[in-house]
Amino acid sequence: MDEYDFDDDCDLCEAARITPWFHEDEVCWIAECEICAVPMVVWRGHGTEPPAEELTHMHERLAEVVVMHFTYEHYVDGNMRNIPDHYHAH
């Protein structure tokens, strides 16, 4: 595993377990978004442009979580509204 950049002032880097978590691995973690109450995948690295293979990995894990825990049709919403400097998607 590569070492990722970390920002002490970033809520997503902190990865506090304040909502239910569905998945975590060396690339990402997936938890319920505190604001929208849907699953959100968060890259372990602080930044906005994960490598393509990690982006694919994250989107695949997010889709798996939705299929396992929810009944709605899933699409990736990559608009990083409230925390625009750390990659995450709903």
Foldseek 3Di string as FASTA:
>chain_A
DDDAAADPPDPLLVVDPPFAWDDDDPFWTWGQDPPPRAIKIFGNHFAADDPPVSVVVRVVVSCVSCVVPHDDDDDWAFDPPPRRGTGMID
